[in-house]
Each structure stands twice: as structure tokens, then as C-alpha cells.
Amino acid sequence: MAVVGQRHARHIIMPPPNLPPHSQHAILTAAVAVPYYQVVPPQDVQPDRPIGYGAFGVVWSVTDPRDGKRVALKKMPCVFQNLVSCKRVYRELKMLCHFKHDNVLSALDILQPPNIDFFQEVYVLTELMQSDLHKIIVSPQPLTSDHVKVFLYQILRGKSPPTMSKVLHRDIKPGNLLVNSNCVLKICDFGLARIEEPDECIHMTQEVVTQYYRAPEILMGAKHYGSGVDIWSVGCIFAELLGRRILFQAQSPIQQLELITDLLGTPSVDDMRTACDGARAHLRRQPHKPPSLAALYTLSSQATHEAVHLLCRMLVFNPKKRITAADALAHPYLDEGRLRYHSCMCKCCLNTNSSGRQYTSDFEPVCHQPFSYTFEEGLTSVRVVKEKLHKFILEQQQGNSVPLCLNPNSISYKSFASSQVAQPSELPPSPHAWD
């Protein structure tokens, strides 16, 4: 496994020397010599290739040599640059390994780490999905009302409290909603996720959520926020599914706020309670705007009364008045989406020879082991996080009969090793500095 230390030095765990020649074309290989280790036949091997990148990682489509299945390999480079960075990666890995839900992407494996002195990068394997919601929305492919309902149902099912156990994703957008050809959807990318903070005196970062899907409380400089920020993002995506265009597509955070108030109207003083003084003063200086929610009916012919009613419950300026994921799932608009998903798409209901489809008693399953945030206690330095993260990865590998590592002899290795995360110029604008 290759791990970046300094840019000019790369420590490598070498794969076993007795691999067949065709296996050396793949980025992944066994980290140890294994008797009867069956490598994928060369005619079945697809080329490893990059499929996406973001602020914190690079994702490639690769072959798992243990079973020949295509998987996604996410590289998280330069993990230990600072305490914030390494805690973020540790938190994301803990979440990926914790969530076991049909509509949330989870970790399949983590590559074997080197000696802790050379430990600088993390590589995690997840299920490979065929597309994402952004690509589908901008494609010429027709999206029926059934598509919209089943996609929205799965987003909310994955985001509902029993699933996420009070986890704030903080970057829900179409590109982070992976989709297969059978319309099964999974929420991915927990790089910005964290547990809800019950203490409103503790300040939370505003450097979250891609601008088009950023809730008004974050745009207005709120120091503390809750799960409503994710519901706002889901509402924006719902509107985008209906209209096949971004609902609030602004060039700056200020303009983003103006587009929101164009639709929702000028918020009341109470609705701006969590906003900073500068943001409140800015809106008070603007001419009063009446709400124009009737414009949502013009998104498309699929914007029915039920659809617009649910959308209006999501796109509420005051997060305290915004609908929850659980209540949204109970909305009549999603009844057909729930039925379609559980009729032929889910894994929780089964087909039987005797009685046909056997439905589960709980369509939105309860999380019996909520995600615990206590592992972050005592993470006071980069060295401490590095030791705990290294130990955690080794613990996750216990029971894996064939650990994996990177293959430096692969024809794609050089390209994979040099692949970069998104540059600052490619990232969304930072929140406006009101004060």
C-alpha cells in the first residue's frame, strides 16, 4: 500500500511477488501471499479509472481482486495536516463503518495501513454505484412523477432520525446522492458530517453545504444549527427534480439569500432569531418582499398540490418551523414512492414462492445502535488522532481473510497516486463575512 509522507517520499507495502502477470494491471491486490488466491481472469478485468473528486478525497472505480466485483476506492490524502483535518477523516470512517442501511453508503473495507510512522493517507472501499442524481437531473432522460417520489422517499428514509441517529450530513446535494439503474439511491460523502450539538452555546462552523443547497440560517451567519439544514437541502433537491434546474442558483451567498427571500418573502424578526446582527440588518434595509410560493407550481406539470405542499413545508425560513424527516416521510405525497420502493427495490421485503411479496413490518427501520460521538473525547493532538485512527483501521480488518493494499506495479498506479482533490478555485464560495 502506498502512503504519502512528503511529496518526494512514498512508503510502499509491496504485494506478494508471485501474482499472475495480469493481476499486476489492477490497482488493488492482496497484501499477503494467500494459498489458492483466485485472481480475476484477464478478459474480465475492466480498466481502473477515476470517477470523481471533491474537497477531501478522490474516488476511482477499481476491481476487488478477491471476488472480481467492481468497487469504489476513495483516497483521502494528506490526512494529518492539522487536527481539524484528521478528526474529520476519523469521524467519516467511523460513520462509514457504522451505518448499515440500504439508502446510506457504507464501507466495505479499508486498505491495510503501513507502519504508523509512514501513515499519511487512508483508502476506503465502498459499493460502486452507476451514477448520481446530478447527472440524472441534467441528462435528457425523462423523469416521471414516480421517479421523483421514489428518489425523494429514499433520501428522506436515509436521512430519517432512526437511520442517521442525530447525524448532520451538512452537504446533501445531487452529486452526493448515488443512484443505480434500478433507481436505488444511497447518500454518500460524510466528510462534513457531525453529530447534532445539543448545547446552543457551542459555535458550529458555517463552512458547510454547497451554496445552492445552503439553508438560510447558515447564509445568515447562525452560530448554531440542527438537522433542519439537511431538510432545507433536500427541499432544494426536491424542487430540482421537479423543475430539472437548480432552484436557487446564485453567484454569491448574498445573492443566494436574495433569491430565497424572493420566493419566501421577507422573514419576520422571530424567523431571523439565530441570524447574526449584520445579516439581520442587511435584510431590514431591503424593501419588504411578499411570499411568492405559488411560483413553485410552475416548476413542471408534476408540481401537484401535494408536491408543492410538502415542498413548502421543507423550504421554511425558520428552521424550528421546518418539517422533520420523519414527518416528511409520513406526508401523503410519498405514499406511492414508499409502495414502489418496497414492492420491488428494497432488501427488507422478500419475495416468497407461497405468498408472493412478504413486506417488512417496519418500512423505516429503527437504528438500534445510535452513532456515538464519544470517540472524539481526548482527541487533543494530531499524534493522538493518528494513533487511534491507525488502531481503528487495524481493528476493522480483523476477520478479513485477505487484506488488500495498493499495487505499485499497476499500469494505473502512477495516475492514481498523483490524483488530486479539488482545488480552492473549484470549491463553492465561503459564507459571507457579515461582521
Protein backbone atom coordinates (compact mmCIF):
# COMPACT_ATOMS: atom_id res chain seq x y z
CA MET A 1 0.00 0.00 0.00
CA ALA A 2 1.35 3.38 -0.95
CA VAL A 3 1.21 6.13 1.59
CA VAL A 4 2.28 9.71 1.06
CA GLY A 5 4.67 11.18 3.57
CA GLN A 6 6.50 14.05 1.99
CA ARG A 7 5.73 14.64 -1.68
CA HIS A 8 9.12 13.23 -2.67
CA ALA A 9 8.92 10.14 -0.47
CA ARG A 10 6.38 7.33 -0.73
CA HIS A 11 6.37 4.32 1.55
CA ILE A 12 5.03 1.16 -0.07
CA ILE A 13 3.76 -2.13 1.30
CA MET A 14 4.77 -4.41 -1.54
CA PRO A 15 2.31 -7.04 -2.76
CA PRO A 16 3.36 -10.69 -2.84
CA PRO A 17 5.85 -11.42 -5.65
CA ASN A 18 4.03 -14.47 -7.03
CA LEU A 19 0.94 -12.80 -8.51
CA PRO A 20 -0.04 -13.73 -12.07
CA PRO A 21 1.03 -11.13 -14.68
CA HIS A 22 -2.50 -9.96 -15.48
CA SER A 23 -3.21 -9.18 -11.82
CA GLN A 24 -0.47 -6.58 -11.85
CA HIS A 25 -2.61 -4.35 -14.09
CA ALA A 26 -5.03 -3.67 -11.23
CA ILE A 27 -4.56 -1.01 -8.55
CA LEU A 28 -5.74 -3.35 -5.79
CA THR A 29 -4.03 -6.58 -4.85
CA ALA A 30 -3.66 -8.88 -1.88
CA ALA A 31 -1.38 -7.54 0.84
CA VAL A 32 -0.18 -11.04 1.74
CA ALA A 33 0.53 -14.26 -0.13
CA VAL A 34 -2.59 -16.40 0.03
CA PRO A 35 -2.81 -20.09 -0.96
CA TYR A 36 -5.43 -20.72 -3.65
CA TYR A 37 -5.86 -16.99 -4.12
CA GLN A 38 -8.06 -16.71 -7.22
CA VAL A 39 -7.33 -13.65 -9.33
CA VAL A 40 -9.94 -12.30 -11.74
CA PRO A 41 -9.39 -13.67 -15.28
CA PRO A 42 -7.70 -11.07 -17.51
CA GLN A 43 -10.53 -10.98 -20.06
CA ASP A 44 -12.93 -9.91 -17.29
CA VAL A 45 -10.75 -7.14 -15.88
CA GLN A 46 -12.04 -3.61 -16.55
CA PRO A 47 -9.57 -0.72 -16.50
CA ASP A 48 -9.30 1.18 -13.25
CA ARG A 49 -10.34 4.79 -13.75
CA PRO A 50 -11.14 7.98 -11.82
CA ILE A 51 -14.86 8.71 -11.36
CA GLY A 52 -14.93 11.74 -9.07
CA TYR A 53 -13.15 14.04 -6.69
CA GLY A 54 -14.01 16.63 -4.09
CA ALA A 55 -12.50 18.80 -1.39
CA PHE A 56 -11.37 15.87 0.76
CA GLY A 57 -10.94 12.84 -1.49
CA VAL A 58 -10.53 11.23 -4.89
CA VAL A 59 -12.68 8.27 -5.99
CA TRP A 60 -11.72 5.59 -8.52
CA SER A 61 -13.60 2.66 -9.98
CA VAL A 62 -11.45 -0.43 -9.40
CA THR A 63 -11.73 -4.22 -9.24
CA ASP A 64 -11.67 -6.09 -5.94
CA PRO A 65 -9.32 -8.99 -6.79
CA ARG A 66 -10.90 -11.20 -4.13
CA ASP A 67 -14.19 -11.62 -5.97
CA GLY A 68 -13.85 -9.69 -9.23
CA LYS A 69 -16.52 -7.14 -8.32
CA ARG A 70 -16.16 -3.51 -9.27
CA VAL A 71 -15.96 -1.25 -6.22
CA ALA A 72 -15.26 2.40 -5.46
CA LEU A 73 -11.87 3.21 -3.94
CA LYS A 74 -11.71 6.56 -2.14
CA LYS A 75 -8.30 8.06 -1.45
CA MET A 76 -8.10 10.54 1.41
CA PRO A 77 -4.72 12.27 1.04
CA CYS A 78 -2.74 14.40 3.47
CA VAL A 79 -4.92 13.31 6.38
CA PHE A 80 -2.70 14.59 9.16
CA GLN A 81 -2.07 18.16 8.02
CA ASN A 82 -3.81 19.53 11.11
CA LEU A 83 -6.10 18.46 13.95
CA VAL A 84 -9.32 19.51 12.19
CA SER A 85 -8.43 17.53 9.06
CA CYS A 86 -7.54 14.27 10.79
CA LYS A 87 -10.55 14.41 13.15
CA ARG A 88 -12.79 14.90 10.11
CA VAL A 89 -11.37 11.80 8.40
CA TYR A 90 -11.59 9.73 11.59
CA ARG A 91 -15.24 10.80 12.02
CA GLU A 92 -16.08 9.96 8.39
CA LEU A 93 -14.51 6.49 8.65
CA LYS A 94 -16.35 5.77 11.88
CA MET A 95 -19.64 6.71 10.21
CA LEU A 96 -18.95 4.70 7.05
CA CYS A 97 -18.25 1.64 9.15
CA HIS A 98 -21.23 2.22 11.46
CA PHE A 99 -24.08 2.79 9.00
CA LYS A 100 -25.69 -0.38 7.66
CA HIS A 101 -28.67 0.93 5.73
CA ASP A 102 -29.99 0.40 2.22
CA ASN A 103 -30.00 4.13 1.48
CA VAL A 104 -26.67 5.10 3.04
CA LEU A 105 -23.30 4.24 1.52
CA SER A 106 -21.14 2.21 3.91
CA ALA A 107 -17.56 1.00 3.95
CA LEU A 108 -16.83 -2.46 2.55
CA ASP A 109 -13.19 -2.46 3.59
CA ILE A 110 -10.26 -0.19 4.47
CA LEU A 111 -6.87 -0.86 2.93
CA GLN A 112 -4.14 -2.13 5.19
CA PRO A 113 -2.20 0.79 6.68
CA PRO A 114 1.62 0.87 6.83
CA ASN A 115 3.67 1.35 9.95
CA ILE A 116 2.31 4.35 11.83
CA ASP A 117 5.47 6.37 11.10
CA PHE A 118 4.59 6.27 7.37
CA PHE A 119 0.83 6.58 7.82
CA GLN A 120 -0.37 9.66 5.88
CA GLU A 121 -3.20 8.54 3.57
CA VAL A 122 -6.37 6.49 4.03
CA TYR A 123 -8.02 4.30 1.39
CA VAL A 124 -11.57 3.03 1.83
CA LEU A 125 -13.63 0.70 -0.37
CA THR A 126 -17.36 1.23 -0.85
CA GLU A 127 -20.03 -0.13 -3.15
CA LEU A 128 -19.73 1.22 -6.69
CA MET A 129 -22.89 2.96 -7.87
CA GLN A 130 -23.60 3.65 -11.53
CA SER A 131 -24.47 7.35 -11.43
CA ASP A 132 -25.59 10.20 -9.21
CA LEU A 133 -28.67 12.38 -9.05
CA HIS A 134 -26.93 15.41 -10.55
CA LYS A 135 -26.03 13.51 -13.72
CA ILE A 136 -29.58 12.20 -13.99
CA ILE A 137 -31.17 15.63 -13.49
CA VAL A 138 -29.06 17.29 -16.22
CA SER A 139 -29.44 14.35 -18.63
CA PRO A 140 -32.15 14.14 -21.30
CA GLN A 141 -33.56 11.06 -19.55
CA PRO A 142 -37.25 11.58 -18.70
CA LEU A 143 -38.08 11.81 -15.00
CA THR A 144 -41.63 10.77 -14.22
CA SER A 145 -43.57 11.57 -11.07
CA ASP A 146 -42.81 8.01 -9.91
CA HIS A 147 -39.08 8.69 -10.27
CA VAL A 148 -39.32 11.87 -8.19
CA LYS A 149 -41.35 10.19 -5.46
CA VAL A 150 -39.13 7.13 -5.13
CA PHE A 151 -35.94 9.23 -5.12
CA LEU A 152 -37.29 11.65 -2.51
CA TYR A 153 -38.59 8.77 -0.38
CA GLN A 154 -35.15 7.15 -0.32
CA ILE A 155 -33.35 10.41 0.52
CA LEU A 156 -35.64 11.01 3.49
CA ARG A 157 -35.52 7.34 4.50
CA GLY A 158 -31.73 7.54 4.62
CA LYS A 159 -31.83 10.87 6.45
CA SER A 160 -34.56 10.00 8.98
CA PRO A 161 -33.52 10.06 12.67
CA PRO A 162 -33.69 6.28 13.20
CA THR A 163 -31.10 5.90 10.44
CA MET A 164 -28.75 8.82 10.94
CA SER A 165 -29.11 8.82 14.73
CA LYS A 166 -28.92 12.63 15.03
CA VAL A 167 -26.15 12.92 12.45
CA LEU A 168 -25.98 16.14 10.45
CA HIS A 169 -24.74 15.36 6.95
CA ARG A 170 -24.19 19.05 6.11
CA ASP A 171 -23.51 18.52 2.40
CA ILE A 172 -26.59 16.90 0.89
CA LYS A 173 -26.65 17.73 -2.82
CA PRO A 174 -27.49 15.79 -6.01
CA GLY A 175 -23.83 14.83 -6.55
CA ASN A 176 -23.75 13.15 -3.12
CA LEU A 177 -26.82 11.02 -3.87
CA LEU A 178 -25.63 7.94 -5.76
CA VAL A 179 -28.07 6.04 -7.96
CA ASN A 180 -28.12 2.68 -9.74
CA SER A 181 -30.01 1.81 -12.93
CA ASN A 182 -32.78 0.24 -10.81
CA CYS A 183 -33.27 3.66 -9.12
CA VAL A 184 -31.88 2.53 -5.76
CA LEU A 185 -30.34 5.62 -4.09
CA LYS A 186 -27.66 5.93 -1.43
CA ILE A 187 -26.46 9.01 0.47
CA CYS A 188 -22.66 9.32 0.36
CA ASP A 189 -19.77 11.60 1.37
CA PHE A 190 -19.79 12.16 5.13
CA GLY A 191 -16.71 14.37 5.03
CA LEU A 192 -18.58 17.30 6.61
CA ALA A 193 -20.90 15.26 8.83
CA ARG A 194 -21.12 15.54 12.60
CA ILE A 195 -23.49 14.75 15.46
CA GLU A 196 -26.13 17.33 16.37
CA GLU A 197 -24.85 19.68 19.06
CA PRO A 198 -27.42 20.00 21.89
CA ASP A 199 -25.63 22.93 23.54
CA GLU A 200 -26.65 26.06 21.63
CA CYS A 201 -23.78 27.98 23.23
CA ILE A 202 -21.25 25.93 21.29
CA HIS A 203 -20.47 27.53 17.94
CA MET A 204 -20.56 25.41 14.79
CA THR A 205 -18.76 26.09 11.52
CA GLN A 206 -20.54 27.76 8.62
CA GLU A 207 -18.07 26.27 6.10
CA VAL A 208 -20.59 23.58 5.18
CA VAL A 209 -23.09 22.75 2.44
CA THR A 210 -22.63 23.60 -1.23
CA GLN A 211 -24.02 27.12 -1.69
CA TYR A 212 -27.08 26.26 -3.82
CA TYR A 213 -28.35 23.95 -1.07
CA ARG A 214 -27.28 26.05 1.93
CA ALA A 215 -30.03 26.79 4.44
CA PRO A 216 -30.87 30.46 5.19
CA GLU A 217 -29.76 30.19 8.82
CA ILE A 218 -26.23 29.31 7.65
CA LEU A 219 -26.31 32.00 4.97
CA MET A 220 -27.22 34.49 7.72
CA GLY A 221 -24.33 33.54 9.98
CA ALA A 222 -26.04 31.35 12.60
CA LYS A 223 -23.52 30.11 15.16
CA HIS A 224 -25.60 27.02 15.92
CA TYR A 225 -27.94 24.92 13.80
CA GLY A 226 -29.58 21.50 13.67
CA SER A 227 -30.98 18.86 11.34
CA GLY A 228 -33.09 21.49 9.59
CA VAL A 229 -30.08 22.39 7.42
CA ASP A 230 -30.28 18.95 5.80
CA ILE A 231 -34.05 19.17 5.30
CA TRP A 232 -33.58 22.50 3.52
CA SER A 233 -31.06 20.85 1.19
CA VAL A 234 -33.48 18.00 0.49
CA GLY A 235 -36.21 20.54 -0.30
CA CYS A 236 -33.94 22.26 -2.82
CA ILE A 237 -33.22 18.88 -4.43
CA PHE A 238 -36.93 18.05 -4.50
CA ALA A 239 -37.61 21.26 -6.42
CA GLU A 240 -34.68 20.48 -8.73
CA LEU A 241 -36.12 17.04 -9.50
CA LEU A 242 -39.46 18.65 -10.38
CA GLY A 243 -38.06 21.51 -12.47
CA ARG A 244 -34.82 19.92 -13.80
CA ARG A 245 -32.93 23.06 -12.80
CA ILE A 246 -31.32 24.41 -9.63
CA LEU A 247 -33.92 26.29 -7.59
CA PHE A 248 -31.63 28.94 -6.06
CA GLN A 249 -28.68 29.33 -8.43
CA ALA A 250 -26.78 32.39 -7.27
CA GLN A 251 -23.25 33.66 -7.80
CA SER A 252 -22.65 34.64 -4.18
CA PRO A 253 -24.03 33.94 -0.70
CA ILE A 254 -25.69 37.38 -0.63
CA GLN A 255 -27.43 36.75 -3.94
CA GLN A 256 -28.40 33.27 -2.69
CA LEU A 257 -30.19 34.88 0.24
CA GLU A 258 -31.92 37.34 -2.11
CA LEU A 259 -33.26 34.51 -4.29
CA ILE A 260 -34.59 32.74 -1.20
CA THR A 261 -36.42 35.84 0.03
CA ASP A 262 -37.78 36.41 -3.49
CA LEU A 263 -39.63 33.10 -3.08
CA LEU A 264 -40.36 33.01 0.65
CA GLY A 265 -40.76 36.72 1.25
CA THR A 266 -39.05 38.85 3.89
CA PRO A 267 -38.69 36.84 7.11
CA SER A 268 -40.11 38.07 10.40
CA VAL A 269 -37.87 39.19 13.26
CA ASP A 270 -38.57 35.89 15.04
CA ASP A 271 -37.62 33.88 11.95
CA MET A 272 -34.23 35.64 11.96
CA ARG A 273 -33.61 34.94 15.65
CA THR A 274 -30.46 32.85 15.04
CA ALA A 275 -29.02 35.20 12.40
CA CYS A 276 -26.07 37.42 13.18
CA ASP A 277 -26.61 41.16 13.62
CA GLY A 278 -25.07 42.04 10.26
CA ALA A 279 -27.36 39.65 8.33
CA ARG A 280 -30.48 40.89 10.14
CA ALA A 281 -29.53 44.49 9.44
CA HIS A 282 -28.97 43.67 5.76
CA LEU A 283 -32.47 42.20 5.31
CA ARG A 284 -34.10 45.05 7.24
CA ARG A 285 -32.53 47.53 4.84
CA GLN A 286 -34.10 45.76 1.84
CA PRO A 287 -37.59 46.55 0.54
CA HIS A 288 -40.24 44.28 2.04
CA LYS A 289 -40.99 41.25 -0.15
CA PRO A 290 -44.25 39.27 -0.09
CA PRO A 291 -44.03 35.48 -0.46
CA SER A 292 -44.46 34.09 -3.99
CA LEU A 293 -44.75 30.37 -3.25
CA ALA A 294 -47.33 29.95 -6.00
CA ALA A 295 -44.36 30.11 -8.39
CA LEU A 296 -43.50 26.54 -7.32
CA TYR A 297 -46.47 25.30 -9.34
CA THR A 298 -44.64 26.46 -12.48
CA LEU A 299 -41.69 24.12 -11.90
CA SER A 300 -43.36 21.41 -14.01
CA SER A 301 -46.61 19.57 -14.57
CA GLN A 302 -45.51 17.23 -11.76
CA ALA A 303 -45.73 20.09 -9.23
CA THR A 304 -49.12 18.97 -7.93
CA HIS A 305 -50.88 20.34 -4.84
CA GLU A 306 -49.44 17.52 -2.71
CA ALA A 307 -45.94 18.03 -4.09
CA VAL A 308 -45.98 21.80 -3.53
CA HIS A 309 -47.48 21.38 -0.05
CA LEU A 310 -44.59 19.11 1.01
CA LEU A 311 -42.05 21.35 -0.70
CA CYS A 312 -43.38 24.40 1.13
CA ARG A 313 -43.03 22.54 4.44
CA MET A 314 -39.35 21.90 3.66
CA LEU A 315 -38.48 25.35 2.36
CA VAL A 316 -39.35 27.27 5.53
CA PHE A 317 -37.07 30.14 6.55
CA ASN A 318 -37.27 29.40 10.28
CA PRO A 319 -35.59 26.01 10.96
CA LYS A 320 -37.79 25.49 14.05
CA LYS A 321 -40.86 25.53 11.80
CA ARG A 322 -39.34 23.35 9.06
CA ILE A 323 -40.74 19.85 8.67
CA THR A 324 -38.67 16.95 10.05
CA ALA A 325 -37.55 13.94 8.02
CA ALA A 326 -39.91 11.67 9.96
CA ASP A 327 -42.92 13.93 9.33
CA ALA A 328 -41.96 14.34 5.68
CA LEU A 329 -41.92 10.56 5.28
CA ALA A 330 -45.48 10.47 6.61
CA HIS A 331 -46.69 13.02 4.02
CA PRO A 332 -49.29 11.62 1.58
CA TYR A 333 -47.17 12.68 -1.41
CA LEU A 334 -44.67 9.90 -0.57
CA ASP A 335 -47.18 7.07 -0.21
CA GLU A 336 -46.68 5.94 -3.82
CA GLY A 337 -42.88 6.27 -3.54
CA ARG A 338 -42.89 4.08 -0.43
CA LEU A 339 -45.08 1.48 -2.12
CA ARG A 340 -42.95 1.35 -5.27
CA TYR A 341 -39.69 1.12 -3.32
CA HIS A 342 -40.88 -1.71 -1.09
CA SER A 343 -42.67 -3.53 -3.90
CA CYS A 344 -39.57 -4.26 -5.96
CA MET A 345 -36.46 -2.32 -4.90
CA CYS A 346 -35.73 -2.76 -1.19
CA LYS A 347 -33.84 -5.55 0.58
CA CYS A 348 -36.04 -5.53 3.68
CA CYS A 349 -39.04 -7.13 1.93
CA LEU A 350 -38.82 -10.59 0.37
CA ASN A 351 -40.44 -12.49 -2.47
CA THR A 352 -41.75 -15.90 -1.43
CA ASN A 353 -42.98 -18.77 -3.59
CA SER A 354 -46.05 -19.35 -1.44
CA SER A 355 -47.45 -15.90 -0.71
CA GLY A 356 -45.72 -13.51 -3.11
CA ARG A 357 -44.16 -10.36 -1.67
CA GLN A 358 -43.64 -10.53 2.09
CA TYR A 359 -43.48 -6.97 3.42
CA THR A 360 -41.49 -5.91 6.46
CA SER A 361 -43.37 -4.64 9.48
CA ASP A 362 -41.19 -1.51 9.60
CA PHE A 363 -40.65 0.36 6.32
CA GLU A 364 -38.41 2.95 8.01
CA PRO A 365 -36.20 0.80 10.26
CA VAL A 366 -35.12 1.86 13.74
CA CYS A 367 -31.41 2.24 14.45
CA HIS A 368 -30.80 0.03 17.50
CA GLN A 369 -27.23 1.29 17.96
CA PRO A 370 -27.13 5.08 17.53
CA PHE A 371 -23.86 6.52 16.31
CA SER A 372 -21.77 7.54 19.30
CA TYR A 373 -19.72 10.71 19.34
CA THR A 374 -17.72 9.77 22.43
CA PHE A 375 -14.74 8.57 20.37
CA GLU A 376 -13.79 12.22 19.81
CA GLU A 377 -13.17 12.77 23.51
CA GLY A 378 -9.47 13.10 24.15
CA LEU A 379 -8.53 13.80 20.52
CA THR A 380 -6.32 16.70 21.50
CA SER A 381 -3.45 16.40 19.03
CA VAL A 382 -2.65 15.12 15.54
CA ARG A 383 -0.47 12.38 17.01
CA VAL A 384 -3.28 11.10 19.25
CA VAL A 385 -5.74 11.01 16.32
CA LYS A 386 -3.16 9.28 14.14
CA GLU A 387 -2.63 6.53 16.70
CA LYS A 388 -6.35 6.00 17.29
CA LEU A 389 -7.18 6.02 13.57
CA HIS A 390 -4.39 3.55 12.82
CA LYS A 391 -5.68 1.25 15.57
CA PHE A 392 -9.28 1.60 14.35
CA ILE A 393 -8.37 0.54 10.79
CA LEU A 394 -6.46 -2.49 12.06
CA GLU A 395 -9.46 -3.46 14.21
CA GLN A 396 -11.77 -3.19 11.22
CA GLN A 397 -9.55 -5.60 9.30
CA GLN A 398 -9.78 -8.33 11.91
CA GLY A 399 -11.60 -11.26 10.37
CA ASN A 400 -10.77 -10.25 6.80
CA SER A 401 -9.12 -13.31 5.33
CA VAL A 402 -7.39 -11.38 2.54
CA PRO A 403 -6.34 -7.80 3.35
CA LEU A 404 -5.76 -5.52 0.37
CA CYS A 405 -3.09 -2.98 -0.50
CA LEU A 406 -2.17 -0.84 -3.48
CA ASN A 407 -0.19 -2.40 -6.29
CA PRO A 408 2.67 -0.09 -7.38
CA ASN A 409 3.20 -2.29 -10.46
CA SER A 410 -0.25 -1.42 -11.79
CA ILE A 411 -0.37 0.48 -15.05
CA SER A 412 -2.79 2.92 -13.39
CA TYR A 413 -0.84 3.33 -10.16
CA LYS A 414 1.10 6.43 -11.16
CA SER A 415 -2.06 8.21 -12.26
CA PHE A 416 -3.91 7.14 -9.10
CA ALA A 417 -1.05 8.18 -6.80
CA SER A 418 -0.86 11.65 -8.36
CA SER A 419 -4.63 12.27 -8.43
CA GLN A 420 -5.55 15.42 -6.54
CA VAL A 421 -8.50 16.66 -4.53
CA ALA A 422 -10.44 19.70 -5.74
CA GLN A 423 -8.51 22.96 -5.81
CA PRO A 424 -9.78 26.02 -3.87
CA SER A 425 -10.92 27.66 -7.12
CA GLU A 426 -13.22 24.68 -7.79
CA LEU A 427 -14.94 24.83 -4.41
CA PRO A 428 -18.15 26.77 -3.58
CA PRO A 429 -17.85 30.31 -2.18
CA SER A 430 -17.24 30.63 1.54
CA PRO A 431 -20.01 32.07 3.72
CA HIS A 432 -20.34 35.84 3.66
CA ALA A 433 -18.45 37.64 6.44
CA TRP A 434 -21.32 39.69 7.90
CA ASP A 435 -19.49 41.12 10.90
